[in-house]
Amino acid sequence: MALKEVQLTLKLPEELLAYLGKEPHELEANVLQAVVLALVQEGKITASYAAEILGLSYPEMLELLAQHGLPLVHYDPDELETELQALRGT
């Protein structure tokens, strides 16, 4: 299924382009990837949905998450304690 897209305009200081070493037209994929990774990190989208958005296979998405030091599973402390208790049988 094709994802519905919107077009955005992004204004950046010219100096940032020098730091990035890219032309403006080359940044679209980088910006999309950064937004998607942030949403995964915040737990707002799944890794499989992120893979779909970025046009990656699921294993490629897992590799990308690992390259950026992002965990696949997100637990808040209470959820983690509940899961650990369940595993211990307590």
C-alpha atoms as a PDB file:
ATOM      1  CA  MET A   1       0.000   0.000   0.000  1.00  0.00           C
ATOM      2  CA  ALA A   2       1.416   3.391  -0.966  1.00  0.00           C
ATOM      3  CA  LEU A   3       1.797   5.878   1.839  1.00  0.00           C
ATOM      4  CA  LYS A   4       0.152   9.266   1.489  1.00  0.00           C
ATOM      5  CA  GLU A   5       2.788  12.002   1.401  1.00  0.00           C
ATOM      6  CA  VAL A   6       2.919  15.715   2.174  1.00  0.00           C
ATOM      7  CA  GLN A   7       5.557  18.157   0.993  1.00  0.00           C
ATOM      8  CA  LEU A   8       7.362  20.333   3.554  1.00  0.00           C
ATOM      9  CA  THR A   9       9.772  23.216   3.168  1.00  0.00           C
ATOM     10  CA  LEU A  10      12.680  23.336   5.575  1.00  0.00           C
ATOM     11  CA  LYS A  11      14.750  26.437   6.227  1.00  0.00           C
ATOM     12  CA  LEU A  12      18.278  25.872   7.518  1.00  0.00           C
ATOM     13  CA  PRO A  13      21.225  28.194   7.998  1.00  0.00           C
ATOM     14  CA  GLU A  14      23.641  27.798   5.076  1.00  0.00           C
ATOM     15  CA  GLU A  15      26.417  26.910   7.502  1.00  0.00           C
ATOM     16  CA  LEU A  16      24.634  23.654   8.347  1.00  0.00           C
ATOM     17  CA  LEU A  17      24.922  22.527   4.741  1.00  0.00           C
ATOM     18  CA  ALA A  18      28.679  22.963   4.960  1.00  0.00           C
ATOM     19  CA  TYR A  19      28.782  20.807   8.098  1.00  0.00           C
ATOM     20  CA  LEU A  20      26.637  18.166   6.460  1.00  0.00           C
ATOM     21  CA  GLY A  21      28.653  18.184   3.259  1.00  0.00           C
ATOM     22  CA  LYS A  22      25.526  17.794   1.149  1.00  0.00           C
ATOM     23  CA  GLU A  23      23.496  19.790  -1.293  1.00  0.00           C
ATOM     24  CA  PRO A  24      19.940  20.730  -0.295  1.00  0.00           C
ATOM     25  CA  HIS A  25      18.366  18.190  -2.664  1.00  0.00           C
ATOM     26  CA  GLU A  26      20.427  15.432  -1.019  1.00  0.00           C
ATOM     27  CA  LEU A  27      19.054  16.079   2.456  1.00  0.00           C
ATOM     28  CA  GLU A  28      15.500  14.831   1.991  1.00  0.00           C
ATOM     29  CA  ALA A  29      16.316  11.195   2.762  1.00  0.00           C
ATOM     30  CA  ASN A  30      18.486  12.198   5.730  1.00  0.00           C
ATOM     31  CA  VAL A  31      15.759  14.366   7.239  1.00  0.00           C
ATOM     32  CA  LEU A  32      13.120  11.671   6.718  1.00  0.00           C
ATOM     33  CA  GLN A  33      15.366   9.084   8.343  1.00  0.00           C
ATOM     34  CA  ALA A  34      16.037  11.369  11.330  1.00  0.00           C
ATOM     35  CA  VAL A  35      12.317  12.011  11.846  1.00  0.00           C
ATOM     36  CA  VAL A  36      11.455   8.321  11.556  1.00  0.00           C
ATOM     37  CA  LEU A  37      14.219   7.287  13.967  1.00  0.00           C
ATOM     38  CA  ALA A  38      13.059   9.896  16.476  1.00  0.00           C
ATOM     39  CA  LEU A  39       9.496   8.561  16.278  1.00  0.00           C
ATOM     40  CA  VAL A  40      10.703   4.992  16.816  1.00  0.00           C
ATOM     41  CA  GLN A  41      12.822   6.120  19.772  1.00  0.00           C
ATOM     42  CA  GLU A  42       9.804   7.891  21.290  1.00  0.00           C
ATOM     43  CA  GLY A  43       7.722   4.745  20.817  1.00  0.00           C
ATOM     44  CA  LYS A  44       5.257   6.512  18.530  1.00  0.00           C
ATOM     45  CA  ILE A  45       5.767   4.163  15.563  1.00  0.00           C
ATOM     46  CA  THR A  46       6.970   0.585  15.279  1.00  0.00           C
ATOM     47  CA  ALA A  47      10.176  -0.570  13.662  1.00  0.00           C
ATOM     48  CA  SER A  48       8.173  -2.380  10.985  1.00  0.00           C
ATOM     49  CA  TYR A  49       6.236   0.793  10.114  1.00  0.00           C
ATOM     50  CA  ALA A  50       9.503   2.743  10.107  1.00  0.00           C
ATOM     51  CA  ALA A  51      10.950   0.196   7.673  1.00  0.00           C
ATOM     52  CA  GLU A  52       7.933   0.660   5.394  1.00  0.00           C
ATOM     53  CA  ILE A  53       8.298   4.452   5.446  1.00  0.00           C
ATOM     54  CA  LEU A  54      12.020   4.284   4.679  1.00  0.00           C
ATOM     55  CA  GLY A  55      11.655   1.560   2.042  1.00  0.00           C
ATOM     56  CA  LEU A  56      13.784  -0.896   4.020  1.00  0.00           C
ATOM     57  CA  SER A  57      13.342  -4.552   4.832  1.00  0.00           C
ATOM     58  CA  TYR A  58      12.745  -5.333   8.496  1.00  0.00           C
ATOM     59  CA  PRO A  59      16.303  -6.721   8.962  1.00  0.00           C
ATOM     60  CA  GLU A  60      17.709  -3.558   7.348  1.00  0.00           C
ATOM     61  CA  MET A  61      15.635  -1.473   9.763  1.00  0.00           C
ATOM     62  CA  LEU A  62      16.963  -3.431  12.716  1.00  0.00           C
ATOM     63  CA  GLU A  63      20.491  -2.779  11.472  1.00  0.00           C
ATOM     64  CA  LEU A  64      19.758   0.944  11.127  1.00  0.00           C
ATOM     65  CA  LEU A  65      18.397   1.044  14.684  1.00  0.00           C
ATOM     66  CA  ALA A  66      21.528  -0.731  15.920  1.00  0.00           C
ATOM     67  CA  GLN A  67      23.794   1.679  14.024  1.00  0.00           C
ATOM     68  CA  HIS A  68      22.106   4.543  15.865  1.00  0.00           C
ATOM     69  CA  GLY A  69      22.169   2.785  19.235  1.00  0.00           C
ATOM     70  CA  LEU A  70      18.381   2.581  19.438  1.00  0.00           C
ATOM     71  CA  PRO A  71      16.739  -0.352  21.208  1.00  0.00           C
ATOM     72  CA  LEU A  72      14.034  -2.350  19.498  1.00  0.00           C
ATOM     73  CA  VAL A  73      11.987  -2.761  22.668  1.00  0.00           C
ATOM     74  CA  HIS A  74      10.881   0.173  24.824  1.00  0.00           C
ATOM     75  CA  TYR A  75       9.776  -0.387  28.401  1.00  0.00           C
ATOM     76  CA  ASP A  76       8.957   2.142  31.038  1.00  0.00           C
ATOM     77  CA  PRO A  77      10.336   1.080  34.451  1.00  0.00           C
ATOM     78  CA  ASP A  78       6.974  -0.259  35.715  1.00  0.00           C
ATOM     79  CA  GLU A  79       6.414  -2.338  32.566  1.00  0.00           C
ATOM     80  CA  LEU A  80       9.928  -3.739  32.795  1.00  0.00           C
ATOM     81  CA  GLU A  81       9.449  -4.736  36.437  1.00  0.00           C
ATOM     82  CA  THR A  82       6.131  -6.428  35.597  1.00  0.00           C
ATOM     83  CA  GLU A  83       7.760  -8.369  32.743  1.00  0.00           C
ATOM     84  CA  LEU A  84      10.707  -9.412  34.924  1.00  0.00           C
ATOM     85  CA  GLN A  85       8.359 -10.600  37.686  1.00  0.00           C
ATOM     86  CA  ALA A  86       6.384 -12.607  35.154  1.00  0.00           C
ATOM     87  CA  LEU A  87       9.564 -14.236  33.865  1.00  0.00           C
ATOM     88  CA  ARG A  88      10.629 -15.087  37.427  1.00  0.00           C
ATOM     89  CA  GLY A  89       7.190 -16.517  38.148  1.00  0.00           C
ATOM     90  CA  THR A  90       6.594 -14.168  41.077  1.00  0.00           C
END
